[in-house]
Amino acid sequence: MKLADYAIKVRNLQEADRLELVRKEREKQIRLAESFLANVIDKR
C-alpha cells in the first residue's frame, strides 16, 4: 500500500460518516501528485 492510499484509508476509517472529508483528502493527494509530476517534467 502506498502512503497516499494509506492516508485515504485512514481518513475513511476516521470519518466514515463524513464522505466529504474523505473526498477532500483524495483531492489533496491528487494535487500533490500532480505537483510532483510537474516538477519532474520541468527538470527534464
PDB file of N, CA and C in Angstrom:
ATOM      1  N   MET A   1       0.848  -1.177   0.000  1.00  0.00           N
ATOM      2  CA  MET A   1       0.000   0.000   0.000  1.00  0.00           C
ATOM      3  C   MET A   1       0.892   1.239   0.000  1.00  0.00           C
ATOM      4  N   LYS A   2       0.577   2.171  -0.851  1.00  0.00           N
ATOM      5  CA  LYS A   2       1.338   3.404  -0.934  1.00  0.00           C
ATOM      6  C   LYS A   2       0.866   4.373   0.145  1.00  0.00           C
ATOM      7  N   LEU A   3       1.723   5.327   0.484  1.00  0.00           N
ATOM      8  CA  LEU A   3       1.411   6.279   1.550  1.00  0.00           C
ATOM      9  C   LEU A   3       0.123   7.047   1.269  1.00  0.00           C
ATOM     10  N   ALA A   4      -0.070   7.482   0.027  1.00  0.00           N
ATOM     11  CA  ALA A   4      -1.290   8.224  -0.307  1.00  0.00           C
ATOM     12  C   ALA A   4      -2.523   7.355  -0.101  1.00  0.00           C
ATOM     13  N   ASP A   5      -2.438   6.102  -0.508  1.00  0.00           N
ATOM     14  CA  ASP A   5      -3.556   5.185  -0.307  1.00  0.00           C
ATOM     15  C   ASP A   5      -3.821   4.981   1.179  1.00  0.00           C
ATOM     16  N   TYR A   6      -2.755   4.910   1.960  1.00  0.00           N
ATOM     17  CA  TYR A   6      -2.894   4.748   3.405  1.00  0.00           C
ATOM     18  C   TYR A   6      -3.603   5.958   4.007  1.00  0.00           C
ATOM     19  N   ALA A   7      -3.225   7.155   3.557  1.00  0.00           N
ATOM     20  CA  ALA A   7      -3.859   8.371   4.075  1.00  0.00           C
ATOM     21  C   ALA A   7      -5.355   8.363   3.791  1.00  0.00           C
ATOM     22  N   ILE A   8      -5.729   7.931   2.606  1.00  0.00           N
ATOM     23  CA  ILE A   8      -7.148   7.858   2.255  1.00  0.00           C
ATOM     24  C   ILE A   8      -7.854   6.812   3.109  1.00  0.00           C
ATOM     25  N   LYS A   9      -7.221   5.661   3.300  1.00  0.00           N
ATOM     26  CA  LYS A   9      -7.823   4.598   4.105  1.00  0.00           C
ATOM     27  C   LYS A   9      -8.038   5.063   5.548  1.00  0.00           C
ATOM     28  N   VAL A  10      -7.046   5.728   6.109  1.00  0.00           N
ATOM     29  CA  VAL A  10      -7.162   6.242   7.479  1.00  0.00           C
ATOM     30  C   VAL A  10      -8.297   7.247   7.560  1.00  0.00           C
ATOM     31  N   ARG A  11      -8.370   8.145   6.578  1.00  0.00           N
ATOM     32  CA  ARG A  11      -9.432   9.154   6.574  1.00  0.00           C
ATOM     33  C   ARG A  11     -10.795   8.481   6.467  1.00  0.00           C
ATOM     34  N   ASN A  12     -10.888   7.435   5.667  1.00  0.00           N
ATOM     35  CA  ASN A  12     -12.148   6.692   5.553  1.00  0.00           C
ATOM     36  C   ASN A  12     -12.558   6.113   6.900  1.00  0.00           C
ATOM     37  N   LEU A  13     -11.598   5.574   7.633  1.00  0.00           N
ATOM     38  CA  LEU A  13     -11.904   4.981   8.934  1.00  0.00           C
ATOM     39  C   LEU A  13     -12.249   6.049   9.967  1.00  0.00           C
ATOM     40  N   GLN A  14     -11.526   7.153   9.947  1.00  0.00           N
ATOM     41  CA  GLN A  14     -11.764   8.222  10.918  1.00  0.00           C
ATOM     42  C   GLN A  14     -13.090   8.927  10.667  1.00  0.00           C
ATOM     43  N   GLU A  15     -13.424   9.092   9.417  1.00  0.00           N
ATOM     44  CA  GLU A  15     -14.578   9.907   9.038  1.00  0.00           C
ATOM     45  C   GLU A  15     -15.578   9.097   8.219  1.00  0.00           C
ATOM     46  N   ALA A  16     -15.900   7.921   8.671  1.00  0.00           N
ATOM     47  CA  ALA A  16     -16.775   7.026   7.901  1.00  0.00           C
ATOM     48  C   ALA A  16     -18.115   7.675   7.551  1.00  0.00           C
ATOM     49  N   ASP A  17     -18.594   8.546   8.408  1.00  0.00           N
ATOM     50  CA  ASP A  17     -19.886   9.182   8.164  1.00  0.00           C
ATOM     51  C   ASP A  17     -19.752  10.546   7.485  1.00  0.00           C
ATOM     52  N   ARG A  18     -18.528  10.930   7.139  1.00  0.00           N
ATOM     53  CA  ARG A  18     -18.304  12.248   6.536  1.00  0.00           C
ATOM     54  C   ARG A  18     -17.499  12.089   5.243  1.00  0.00           C
ATOM     55  N   LEU A  19     -18.178  11.643   4.218  1.00  0.00           N
ATOM     56  CA  LEU A  19     -17.518  11.343   2.953  1.00  0.00           C
ATOM     57  C   LEU A  19     -16.925  12.575   2.282  1.00  0.00           C
ATOM     58  N   GLU A  20     -17.434  13.756   2.608  1.00  0.00           N
ATOM     59  CA  GLU A  20     -16.878  14.985   2.032  1.00  0.00           C
ATOM     60  C   GLU A  20     -15.427  15.173   2.455  1.00  0.00           C
ATOM     61  N   LEU A  21     -15.106  14.880   3.706  1.00  0.00           N
ATOM     62  CA  LEU A  21     -13.721  14.986   4.170  1.00  0.00           C
ATOM     63  C   LEU A  21     -12.832  13.967   3.468  1.00  0.00           C
ATOM     64  N   VAL A  22     -13.361  12.800   3.242  1.00  0.00           N
ATOM     65  CA  VAL A  22     -12.612  11.760   2.534  1.00  0.00           C
ATOM     66  C   VAL A  22     -12.342  12.211   1.099  1.00  0.00           C
ATOM     67  N   ARG A  23     -13.341  12.775   0.457  1.00  0.00           N
ATOM     68  CA  ARG A  23     -13.178  13.269  -0.913  1.00  0.00           C
ATOM     69  C   ARG A  23     -12.120  14.370  -0.974  1.00  0.00           C
ATOM     70  N   LYS A  24     -12.149  15.279  -0.007  1.00  0.00           N
ATOM     71  CA  LYS A  24     -11.161  16.363   0.027  1.00  0.00           C
ATOM     72  C   LYS A  24      -9.751  15.823   0.232  1.00  0.00           C
ATOM     73  N   GLU A  25      -9.607  14.821   1.059  1.00  0.00           N
ATOM     74  CA  GLU A  25      -8.287  14.214   1.277  1.00  0.00           C
ATOM     75  C   GLU A  25      -7.781  13.598  -0.025  1.00  0.00           C
ATOM     76  N   ARG A  26      -8.653  12.932  -0.746  1.00  0.00           N
ATOM     77  CA  ARG A  26      -8.258  12.323  -2.017  1.00  0.00           C
ATOM     78  C   ARG A  26      -7.843  13.398  -3.022  1.00  0.00           C
ATOM     79  N   GLU A  27      -8.601  14.485  -3.079  1.00  0.00           N
ATOM     80  CA  GLU A  27      -8.258  15.582  -3.988  1.00  0.00           C
ATOM     81  C   GLU A  27      -6.910  16.197  -3.613  1.00  0.00           C
ATOM     82  N   LYS A  28      -6.652  16.305  -2.321  1.00  0.00           N
ATOM     83  CA  LYS A  28      -5.368  16.838  -1.859  1.00  0.00           C
ATOM     84  C   LYS A  28      -4.225  15.945  -2.324  1.00  0.00           C
ATOM     85  N   GLN A  29      -4.414  14.643  -2.224  1.00  0.00           N
ATOM     86  CA  GLN A  29      -3.385  13.700  -2.658  1.00  0.00           C
ATOM     87  C   GLN A  29      -3.167  13.790  -4.175  1.00  0.00           C
ATOM     88  N   ILE A  30      -4.239  13.991  -4.918  1.00  0.00           N
ATOM     89  CA  ILE A  30      -4.120  14.116  -6.373  1.00  0.00           C
ATOM     90  C   ILE A  30      -3.357  15.383  -6.734  1.00  0.00           C
ATOM     91  N   ARG A  31      -3.672  16.499  -6.072  1.00  0.00           N
ATOM     92  CA  ARG A  31      -2.946  17.749  -6.334  1.00  0.00           C
ATOM     93  C   ARG A  31      -1.469  17.603  -6.006  1.00  0.00           C
ATOM     94  N   LEU A  32      -1.162  16.927  -4.921  1.00  0.00           N
ATOM     95  CA  LEU A  32       0.227  16.699  -4.535  1.00  0.00           C
ATOM     96  C   LEU A  32       0.953  15.881  -5.604  1.00  0.00           C
ATOM     97  N   ALA A  33       0.316  14.841  -6.093  1.00  0.00           N
ATOM     98  CA  ALA A  33       0.923  14.010  -7.139  1.00  0.00           C
ATOM     99  C   ALA A  33       1.112  14.804  -8.425  1.00  0.00           C
ATOM    100  N   GLU A  34       0.128  15.609  -8.787  1.00  0.00           N
ATOM    101  CA  GLU A  34       0.240  16.427  -9.997  1.00  0.00           C
ATOM    102  C   GLU A  34       1.383  17.424  -9.877  1.00  0.00           C
ATOM    103  N   SER A  35       1.532  18.026  -8.715  1.00  0.00           N
ATOM    104  CA  SER A  35       2.617  18.975  -8.478  1.00  0.00           C
ATOM    105  C   SER A  35       3.971  18.281  -8.598  1.00  0.00           C
ATOM    106  N   PHE A  36       4.078  17.114  -8.004  1.00  0.00           N
ATOM    107  CA  PHE A  36       5.323  16.346  -8.078  1.00  0.00           C
ATOM    108  C   PHE A  36       5.664  16.010  -9.529  1.00  0.00           C
ATOM    109  N   LEU A  37       4.670  15.529 -10.268  1.00  0.00           N
ATOM    110  CA  LEU A  37       4.904  15.163 -11.665  1.00  0.00           C
ATOM    111  C   LEU A  37       5.283  16.382 -12.505  1.00  0.00           C
ATOM    112  N   ALA A  38       4.667  17.519 -12.246  1.00  0.00           N
ATOM    113  CA  ALA A  38       5.005  18.740 -12.982  1.00  0.00           C
ATOM    114  C   ALA A  38       6.454  19.131 -12.720  1.00  0.00           C
ATOM    115  N   ASN A  39       6.898  18.999 -11.473  1.00  0.00           N
ATOM    116  CA  ASN A  39       8.288  19.322 -11.137  1.00  0.00           C
ATOM    117  C   ASN A  39       9.254  18.374 -11.829  1.00  0.00           C
ATOM    118  N   VAL A  40       8.918  17.114 -11.901  1.00  0.00           N
ATOM    119  CA  VAL A  40       9.779  16.130 -12.564  1.00  0.00           C
ATOM    120  C   VAL A  40       9.887  16.457 -14.052  1.00  0.00           C
ATOM    121  N   ILE A  41       8.769  16.775 -14.666  1.00  0.00           N
ATOM    122  CA  ILE A  41       8.762  17.092 -16.099  1.00  0.00           C
ATOM    123  C   ILE A  41       9.554  18.371 -16.363  1.00  0.00           C
ATOM    124  N   ASP A  42       9.412  19.379 -15.498  1.00  0.00           N
ATOM    125  CA  ASP A  42      10.128  20.644 -15.674  1.00  0.00           C
ATOM    126  C   ASP A  42      11.637  20.468 -15.589  1.00  0.00           C
ATOM    127  N   LYS A  43      12.096  19.493 -14.845  1.00  0.00           N
ATOM    128  CA  LYS A  43      13.534  19.291 -14.651  1.00  0.00           C
ATOM    129  C   LYS A  43      14.181  18.529 -15.795  1.00  0.00           C
ATOM    130  N   ARG A  44      13.393  18.060 -16.748  1.00  0.00           N
ATOM    131  CA  ARG A  44      13.950  17.312 -17.891  1.00  0.00           C
ATOM    132  C   ARG A  44      14.595  18.224 -18.872  1.00  0.00           C
TER     133      ARG A  44
END
